[in-house]
Amino acid sequence: MTTRTPKIEKTIYQLTLAIVAFIFTIKYYYGVDIDTYVPHYEALPNIFELINGDTSVLTGTRFEIGYSVFCCILKTFGLSFWAMTAIVQFFYFYAIHKVLSIIEHKRTFALMIVVILDSMINYTAYRQCLSVSAYYLMFISFYNKDYYKGIAYMLISVLFHKSALFIVALTLIALFFKKQQIKQTTYQVLGVVLLIALFLPLTNITSQIISYLPFSNSTLTSIKLHLSVGKQYQIIFLVYFFSLVVIQYFSKFTTNKWSKVCGIIVLGILIICCLYQYYYLLNRLRPYFTPILVAYIFTAVQHHPTQGEKHFPYRKLIYDVAALIIILYTIRFTYTLVQHNNETERIHNYSNIFELVTTDKNEIRLRQMNLAKLFWDKYFDQGINNNHIE
């Protein structure tokens, strides 16, 4: 490799990151969740009014206190709902960049994988976007042995989305797991868990167990809703399975920095394997780990010892097959997404900031809010069960 090649590769990555971030940032009143997000944002006071007034606006909604305070701060500066969503996206892609910076080569390919797998959270999940971004920065802090900063980001993550409570609780346990390298037997056990999740009808088993958990009725209802939507056979299984094959084969690398956070790696893989069938729930939890796992796999491949290549005869074949599967999945996902949007165009009508050139903002707001309301009133059950994008 010439000295010029890394510079070109870095430039391509930076340009791709900027373009992708721009595409997600320009969305304007997009997504079915704006039905609640927009009224909540518009009803909140600025931070000074909040301090001097009634703080019940923070606790009287389903939104987490961290997100509500964040919105109040933005409203202090007179920022619109779109400006809030743009700041969320900027924060997300900044955090993504920090994680992917661990990878030495092929960051652009890694970015493509992350964007495809977690595209839904980018388009609609503003609170969780903030939460997972803080989690990524927590990971980077622990990776760099900056533990105080890591704990601070961990608390921020919890304040922005309820799902982070579950993830952070498990993360605290996982951080006690420190090894120079994760044993191949660990990946083999995780592979068995994934295969069990593929063949067992877990959706029927889990729904019975959940009823006995000591949670409130609203919490149980939410959990049951997420667990009631599942699919046993999914194309993404191949991505998960071959990722495990790659990470097991190329796991013979050691690095002091990864040893501090290898428990998070095992935790992320375990959650994906256990919840494979529950795609609706997994789409909520997987984004906390996607770029971290991608960075780990790329690092494992790139740092795998090349000496004694005869002992690793299938090295190139394994990662070539894995890369091909990911590319084919990307094509399949893109095709399915376009088809899905065509079938539900009246609900998922994409709009962006440039539409303001020809259309009044209030007209766009009213149109998009009506479409979101239509989804929740009429198409929600059908949407989550029949329009799963693989």
Protein backbone atom coordinates (compact mmCIF):
# COMPACT_ATOMS: atom_id res chain seq x y z
CA MET A 1 0.00 0.00 0.00
CA THR A 2 1.42 3.38 -0.96
CA THR A 3 1.57 6.31 1.45
CA ARG A 4 -1.03 8.07 -0.69
CA THR A 5 -3.66 5.33 -0.42
CA PRO A 6 -4.53 5.85 3.29
CA LYS A 7 -5.08 9.57 2.62
CA ILE A 8 -7.46 8.82 -0.26
CA GLU A 9 -9.26 6.21 1.86
CA LYS A 10 -9.62 8.70 4.70
CA THR A 11 -10.94 11.40 2.37
CA ILE A 12 -13.52 9.03 0.88
CA TYR A 13 -14.69 8.05 4.36
CA GLN A 14 -14.99 11.65 5.53
CA LEU A 15 -16.89 12.63 2.38
CA THR A 16 -19.24 9.63 2.72
CA LEU A 17 -19.85 10.39 6.38
CA ALA A 18 -20.70 14.00 5.55
CA ILE A 19 -23.10 12.98 2.76
CA VAL A 20 -24.88 10.35 4.86
CA ALA A 21 -25.19 12.72 7.81
CA PHE A 22 -26.56 15.40 5.49
CA ILE A 23 -29.21 13.04 4.05
CA PHE A 24 -30.52 12.16 7.50
CA THR A 25 -30.26 15.71 8.83
CA ILE A 26 -32.38 17.42 6.15
CA LYS A 27 -35.51 15.36 6.93
CA TYR A 28 -38.36 17.70 7.90
CA TYR A 29 -41.33 16.56 10.00
CA TYR A 30 -40.67 12.98 8.95
CA GLY A 31 -41.72 9.77 10.69
CA VAL A 32 -44.82 8.44 12.40
CA ASP A 33 -43.57 9.42 15.88
CA ILE A 34 -43.89 13.14 15.15
CA ASP A 35 -47.53 12.68 16.18
CA THR A 36 -46.27 12.97 19.78
CA TYR A 37 -42.82 14.52 19.35
CA VAL A 38 -43.98 17.77 17.76
CA PRO A 39 -46.77 18.66 20.26
CA HIS A 40 -44.42 17.81 23.13
CA TYR A 41 -41.65 20.06 21.80
CA GLU A 42 -43.98 22.94 21.04
CA ALA A 43 -45.64 22.76 24.48
CA LEU A 44 -42.38 22.86 26.46
CA PRO A 45 -41.19 26.16 27.99
CA ASN A 46 -37.68 27.50 27.65
CA ILE A 47 -35.21 26.68 30.40
CA PHE A 48 -35.77 29.93 32.34
CA GLU A 49 -39.54 29.50 32.31
CA LEU A 50 -39.04 25.93 33.46
CA ILE A 51 -36.87 26.96 36.41
CA ASN A 52 -39.28 29.68 37.51
CA GLY A 53 -42.50 27.81 36.71
CA ASP A 54 -44.22 24.45 36.97
CA THR A 55 -41.86 21.50 36.50
CA SER A 56 -44.74 19.05 36.07
CA VAL A 57 -44.27 19.39 32.30
CA LEU A 58 -41.23 17.16 32.75
CA THR A 59 -43.02 14.36 34.56
CA GLY A 60 -46.52 14.58 33.09
CA THR A 61 -45.55 12.97 29.74
CA ARG A 62 -44.12 9.69 28.49
CA PHE A 63 -40.91 11.46 27.51
CA GLU A 64 -37.80 11.05 29.65
CA ILE A 65 -36.69 14.00 31.75
CA GLY A 66 -33.31 14.25 30.02
CA TYR A 67 -34.89 14.66 26.61
CA SER A 68 -37.42 17.22 27.87
CA VAL A 69 -34.73 19.35 29.52
CA PHE A 70 -32.65 19.09 26.34
CA CYS A 71 -35.61 20.45 24.35
CA CYS A 72 -36.18 23.25 26.89
CA ILE A 73 -32.56 24.34 26.48
CA LEU A 74 -32.92 24.44 22.70
CA LYS A 75 -36.16 26.43 22.95
CA THR A 76 -34.29 29.00 25.06
CA PHE A 77 -32.38 29.87 21.90
CA GLY A 78 -35.56 29.91 19.82
CA LEU A 79 -34.66 26.77 17.87
CA SER A 80 -37.38 25.01 15.88
CA PHE A 81 -38.36 21.35 15.98
CA TRP A 82 -36.34 20.73 12.82
CA ALA A 83 -33.26 22.37 14.39
CA MET A 84 -33.64 19.99 17.33
CA THR A 85 -33.72 16.96 15.00
CA ALA A 86 -30.68 18.28 13.11
CA ILE A 87 -28.69 18.63 16.34
CA VAL A 88 -29.68 15.08 17.32
CA GLN A 89 -28.40 13.76 13.99
CA PHE A 90 -25.15 15.73 14.25
CA PHE A 91 -24.53 14.33 17.73
CA TYR A 92 -25.30 10.79 16.51
CA PHE A 93 -22.92 10.86 13.55
CA TYR A 94 -20.23 12.52 15.65
CA ALA A 95 -20.47 9.61 18.11
CA ILE A 96 -20.51 7.09 15.23
CA HIS A 97 -17.36 8.68 13.85
CA LYS A 98 -15.61 8.43 17.23
CA VAL A 99 -16.32 4.68 17.38
CA LEU A 100 -15.41 3.96 13.75
CA SER A 101 -12.17 5.90 14.16
CA ILE A 102 -10.88 2.84 16.01
CA ILE A 103 -10.79 1.04 12.65
CA GLU A 104 -7.61 1.57 10.66
CA HIS A 105 -8.89 0.70 7.19
CA LYS A 106 -12.19 0.33 5.29
CA ARG A 107 -14.14 2.72 7.53
CA THR A 108 -16.45 3.58 4.64
CA PHE A 109 -17.61 -0.04 4.37
CA ALA A 110 -18.07 -0.15 8.16
CA LEU A 111 -20.15 3.04 8.01
CA MET A 112 -22.37 1.49 5.33
CA ILE A 113 -23.07 -1.52 7.55
CA VAL A 114 -23.98 0.65 10.54
CA VAL A 115 -26.25 2.95 8.53
CA ILE A 116 -28.11 0.03 6.91
CA LEU A 117 -28.64 -1.91 10.13
CA ASP A 118 -29.70 1.13 12.16
CA SER A 119 -31.44 3.26 9.53
CA MET A 120 -34.78 3.24 11.34
CA ILE A 121 -33.37 4.82 14.50
CA ASN A 122 -31.86 7.60 12.38
CA TYR A 123 -35.13 8.49 10.73
CA THR A 124 -37.57 8.45 13.64
CA ALA A 125 -36.12 7.73 17.11
CA TYR A 126 -34.87 11.09 18.35
CA ARG A 127 -34.69 10.30 22.07
CA GLN A 128 -33.02 6.97 21.54
CA CYS A 129 -30.68 8.52 18.99
CA LEU A 130 -29.39 10.76 21.78
CA SER A 131 -29.27 7.85 24.19
CA VAL A 132 -27.25 5.53 21.95
CA SER A 133 -24.94 8.41 21.00
CA ALA A 134 -24.11 8.96 24.66
CA TYR A 135 -23.60 5.20 25.01
CA TYR A 136 -21.08 5.23 22.14
CA LEU A 137 -19.16 8.05 23.81
CA MET A 138 -19.31 6.09 27.08
CA PHE A 139 -17.76 3.13 25.26
CA ILE A 140 -15.01 5.28 23.74
CA SER A 141 -14.25 6.76 27.18
CA PHE A 142 -13.88 3.30 28.73
CA TYR A 143 -11.87 2.17 25.70
CA ASN A 144 -9.46 5.06 26.34
CA LYS A 145 -9.50 4.38 30.13
CA ASP A 146 -11.25 7.69 30.84
CA TYR A 147 -13.61 6.17 33.42
CA TYR A 148 -15.06 9.35 34.95
CA LYS A 149 -16.12 10.64 31.55
CA GLY A 150 -17.49 7.19 30.72
CA ILE A 151 -19.69 7.18 33.82
CA ALA A 152 -20.96 10.69 32.95
CA TYR A 153 -21.96 9.57 29.44
CA MET A 154 -23.58 6.48 30.94
CA LEU A 155 -25.83 8.65 33.12
CA ILE A 156 -26.70 10.88 30.16
CA SER A 157 -27.69 7.82 28.14
CA VAL A 158 -30.09 6.69 30.88
CA LEU A 159 -31.70 10.12 31.10
CA PHE A 160 -32.65 10.15 27.41
CA HIS A 161 -34.34 6.77 26.94
CA LYS A 162 -35.82 4.04 29.15
CA SER A 163 -34.18 1.25 27.13
CA ALA A 164 -30.79 2.52 28.31
CA LEU A 165 -31.68 1.51 31.88
CA PHE A 166 -31.67 -2.14 30.83
CA ILE A 167 -28.56 -1.82 28.66
CA VAL A 168 -26.54 0.18 31.20
CA ALA A 169 -27.44 -2.21 34.04
CA LEU A 170 -26.07 -5.12 32.01
CA THR A 171 -23.09 -3.04 30.89
CA LEU A 172 -22.04 -2.40 34.49
CA ILE A 173 -21.95 -6.16 35.03
CA ALA A 174 -20.17 -6.78 31.72
CA LEU A 175 -17.40 -4.29 32.52
CA PHE A 176 -16.11 -6.64 35.20
CA PHE A 177 -15.32 -9.11 32.40
CA LYS A 178 -11.77 -8.17 31.34
CA LYS A 179 -9.68 -10.42 29.13
CA GLN A 180 -6.79 -9.90 26.72
CA GLN A 181 -8.86 -11.75 24.14
CA ILE A 182 -12.23 -13.47 24.09
CA LYS A 183 -11.89 -17.23 23.77
CA GLN A 184 -13.17 -18.99 20.68
CA THR A 185 -15.35 -21.20 22.87
CA THR A 186 -17.27 -18.07 23.93
CA TYR A 187 -18.18 -17.35 20.32
CA GLN A 188 -19.10 -21.00 19.78
CA VAL A 189 -21.51 -20.87 22.73
CA LEU A 190 -23.02 -17.64 21.36
CA GLY A 191 -23.42 -19.36 17.99
CA VAL A 192 -25.34 -22.19 19.66
CA VAL A 193 -27.58 -19.60 21.37
CA LEU A 194 -28.30 -18.02 17.98
CA LEU A 195 -29.18 -21.39 16.45
CA ILE A 196 -31.51 -22.13 19.38
CA ALA A 197 -33.16 -18.75 18.86
CA LEU A 198 -33.65 -19.65 15.20
CA PHE A 199 -35.34 -23.02 15.67
CA LEU A 200 -37.32 -22.64 18.91
CA PRO A 201 -40.74 -20.88 18.87
CA LEU A 202 -39.56 -18.40 21.51
CA THR A 203 -42.32 -15.89 20.84
CA ASN A 204 -44.83 -18.28 22.40
CA ILE A 205 -42.65 -19.21 25.37
CA THR A 206 -41.61 -15.70 26.39
CA SER A 207 -45.10 -14.21 26.38
CA GLN A 208 -46.08 -16.65 29.13
CA ILE A 209 -43.04 -15.86 31.29
CA ILE A 210 -43.45 -12.07 31.04
CA SER A 211 -46.83 -12.18 32.80
CA TYR A 212 -45.14 -13.23 36.05
CA LEU A 213 -42.60 -10.38 36.17
CA PRO A 214 -43.04 -7.85 39.03
CA PHE A 215 -43.57 -4.79 36.81
CA SER A 216 -46.37 -2.24 36.52
CA ASN A 217 -49.22 -2.89 34.10
CA SER A 218 -48.03 -0.18 31.69
CA THR A 219 -44.50 -1.62 31.65
CA LEU A 220 -45.80 -5.15 31.14
CA THR A 221 -48.03 -3.95 28.31
CA SER A 222 -45.08 -2.29 26.58
CA ILE A 223 -42.87 -5.35 26.98
CA LYS A 224 -45.60 -7.68 25.71
CA LEU A 225 -46.19 -5.44 22.70
CA HIS A 226 -42.53 -5.61 21.71
CA LEU A 227 -42.33 -9.34 22.34
CA SER A 228 -45.59 -10.10 20.54
CA VAL A 229 -44.02 -9.09 17.23
CA GLY A 230 -41.55 -11.68 16.04
CA LYS A 231 -40.41 -13.65 13.04
CA GLN A 232 -38.61 -16.97 13.20
CA TYR A 233 -36.89 -17.00 9.82
CA GLN A 234 -35.24 -13.76 8.73
CA ILE A 235 -32.62 -13.05 6.09
CA ILE A 236 -30.60 -11.05 8.60
CA PHE A 237 -29.85 -14.35 10.38
CA LEU A 238 -27.14 -14.95 7.75
CA VAL A 239 -25.51 -11.62 8.64
CA TYR A 240 -25.51 -12.49 12.33
CA PHE A 241 -24.28 -16.04 11.79
CA PHE A 242 -21.44 -15.24 9.42
CA SER A 243 -20.39 -12.32 11.60
CA LEU A 244 -19.95 -14.84 14.41
CA VAL A 245 -17.94 -17.10 12.09
CA VAL A 246 -15.65 -14.22 11.16
CA ILE A 247 -15.18 -12.98 14.70
CA GLN A 248 -14.40 -16.51 15.92
CA TYR A 249 -11.92 -17.19 13.14
CA PHE A 250 -10.13 -13.86 13.49
CA SER A 251 -10.25 -13.66 17.30
CA LYS A 252 -6.54 -14.43 17.75
CA PHE A 253 -5.55 -10.84 18.32
CA THR A 254 -4.77 -9.07 21.60
CA THR A 255 -4.90 -5.40 22.45
CA ASN A 256 -4.88 -3.74 25.83
CA LYS A 257 -7.60 -1.24 24.92
CA TRP A 258 -10.15 -3.85 23.82
CA SER A 259 -9.47 -5.91 26.95
CA LYS A 260 -11.14 -3.20 29.05
CA VAL A 261 -14.39 -3.39 27.09
CA CYS A 262 -14.55 -6.98 25.81
CA GLY A 263 -17.44 -7.60 28.21
CA ILE A 264 -19.51 -5.09 26.21
CA ILE A 265 -18.69 -7.02 23.04
CA VAL A 266 -19.95 -10.30 24.52
CA LEU A 267 -23.03 -8.53 25.94
CA GLY A 268 -23.95 -7.03 22.56
CA ILE A 269 -23.61 -10.34 20.74
CA LEU A 270 -25.56 -12.17 23.47
CA ILE A 271 -28.49 -9.73 23.25
CA ILE A 272 -28.63 -10.07 19.46
CA CYS A 273 -28.51 -13.88 19.66
CA CYS A 274 -31.14 -14.18 22.41
CA LEU A 275 -33.54 -11.68 20.86
CA TYR A 276 -33.01 -12.67 17.23
CA GLN A 277 -36.70 -13.51 16.64
CA TYR A 278 -38.00 -10.36 18.34
CA TYR A 279 -36.97 -7.90 15.64
CA TYR A 280 -39.31 -5.20 16.96
CA LEU A 281 -37.62 -5.28 20.36
CA LEU A 282 -34.16 -5.91 18.94
CA ASN A 283 -34.45 -2.79 16.78
CA ARG A 284 -34.65 -0.89 20.08
CA LEU A 285 -31.65 -2.58 21.70
CA ARG A 286 -29.27 -3.50 18.87
CA PRO A 287 -28.38 0.13 17.98
CA TYR A 288 -26.53 0.44 21.31
CA PHE A 289 -23.99 -2.09 20.04
CA THR A 290 -23.99 -2.03 16.22
CA PRO A 291 -21.06 0.35 15.55
CA ILE A 292 -19.12 -1.07 18.50
CA LEU A 293 -19.43 -4.65 17.20
CA VAL A 294 -18.63 -3.53 13.66
CA ALA A 295 -15.49 -1.74 14.89
CA TYR A 296 -14.48 -4.83 16.87
CA ILE A 297 -14.93 -7.21 13.93
CA PHE A 298 -13.02 -4.95 11.53
CA THR A 299 -10.21 -4.54 14.07
CA ALA A 300 -10.05 -8.32 14.64
CA VAL A 301 -9.70 -8.97 10.91
CA GLN A 302 -7.14 -6.23 10.36
CA HIS A 303 -5.01 -7.19 13.39
CA HIS A 304 -5.17 -10.93 12.83
CA PRO A 305 -1.60 -12.35 12.68
CA THR A 306 -0.55 -13.00 9.07
CA GLN A 307 2.49 -15.06 9.97
CA GLY A 308 2.07 -18.74 9.22
CA GLU A 309 -0.67 -18.19 6.65
CA LYS A 310 -0.69 -21.93 5.98
CA HIS A 311 -2.31 -22.40 9.38
CA PHE A 312 -5.19 -20.15 8.28
CA PRO A 313 -5.96 -21.43 4.76
CA TYR A 314 -9.50 -20.06 4.63
CA ARG A 315 -8.69 -16.56 5.87
CA LYS A 316 -9.48 -14.69 2.65
CA LEU A 317 -12.41 -16.95 1.75
CA ILE A 318 -14.13 -16.38 5.11
CA TYR A 319 -14.08 -12.60 5.11
CA ASP A 320 -14.86 -12.46 1.38
CA VAL A 321 -17.98 -14.59 1.91
CA ALA A 322 -18.99 -12.48 4.93
CA ALA A 323 -18.50 -9.26 2.94
CA LEU A 324 -20.54 -10.68 0.03
CA ILE A 325 -23.40 -11.63 2.37
CA ILE A 326 -23.46 -8.11 3.84
CA ILE A 327 -23.48 -6.55 0.36
CA LEU A 328 -26.31 -8.85 -0.78
CA TYR A 329 -28.22 -8.06 2.40
CA THR A 330 -27.75 -4.34 1.72
CA ILE A 331 -29.18 -4.75 -1.78
CA ARG A 332 -32.08 -6.80 -0.42
CA PHE A 333 -32.73 -4.28 2.35
CA THR A 334 -32.69 -1.34 -0.07
CA TYR A 335 -35.09 -3.09 -2.45
CA THR A 336 -37.45 -4.03 0.39
CA LEU A 337 -37.32 -0.50 1.81
CA VAL A 338 -38.24 1.05 -1.54
CA GLN A 339 -41.04 -1.48 -2.02
CA HIS A 340 -42.28 -0.86 1.53
CA ASN A 341 -42.31 2.91 1.00
CA ASN A 342 -44.21 2.54 -2.26
CA GLU A 343 -46.88 0.42 -0.56
CA THR A 344 -47.27 2.85 2.35
CA GLU A 345 -46.52 6.14 0.59
CA ARG A 346 -49.56 7.80 2.09
CA ILE A 347 -48.10 7.16 5.56
CA HIS A 348 -44.32 7.42 5.08
CA ASN A 349 -44.22 10.48 2.87
CA TYR A 350 -40.62 11.73 2.97
CA SER A 351 -40.13 15.46 3.32
CA ASN A 352 -36.97 17.52 3.68
CA ILE A 353 -35.97 21.05 4.56
CA PHE A 354 -35.67 22.09 0.90
CA GLU A 355 -39.39 21.61 0.41
CA LEU A 356 -39.77 24.94 2.23
CA VAL A 357 -38.66 26.65 -0.98
CA THR A 358 -42.00 25.84 -2.62
CA THR A 359 -44.31 24.96 0.27
CA ASP A 360 -45.33 26.79 3.44
CA LYS A 361 -43.94 25.19 6.61
CA ASN A 362 -47.37 25.04 8.25
CA GLU A 363 -48.74 23.16 5.26
CA ILE A 364 -45.90 20.63 5.47
CA ARG A 365 -46.39 20.28 9.21
CA LEU A 366 -50.13 19.68 8.89
CA ARG A 367 -49.70 17.14 6.10
CA GLN A 368 -47.01 15.14 7.89
CA MET A 369 -48.83 15.23 11.23
CA ASN A 370 -52.03 13.93 9.60
CA LEU A 371 -50.10 11.08 7.99
CA ALA A 372 -48.54 10.16 11.32
CA LYS A 373 -51.92 10.19 13.01
CA LEU A 374 -53.33 8.01 10.22
CA PHE A 375 -50.63 5.44 10.88
CA TRP A 376 -51.33 5.15 14.60
CA ASP A 377 -55.10 5.18 14.18
CA LYS A 378 -55.42 2.79 11.28
CA TYR A 379 -52.25 1.03 10.16
CA PHE A 380 -50.07 0.42 13.23
CA ASP A 381 -50.90 -3.27 13.82
CA GLN A 382 -50.59 -4.06 10.13
CA GLY A 383 -47.41 -2.04 9.82
CA ILE A 384 -45.36 -3.77 12.51
CA ASN A 385 -46.50 -7.26 11.60
CA ASN A 386 -46.71 -7.28 7.81
CA ASN A 387 -44.21 -4.64 6.73
CA HIS A 388 -41.09 -5.85 8.52
CA ILE A 389 -38.08 -4.68 6.52
CA GLU A 390 -35.34 -7.30 6.49
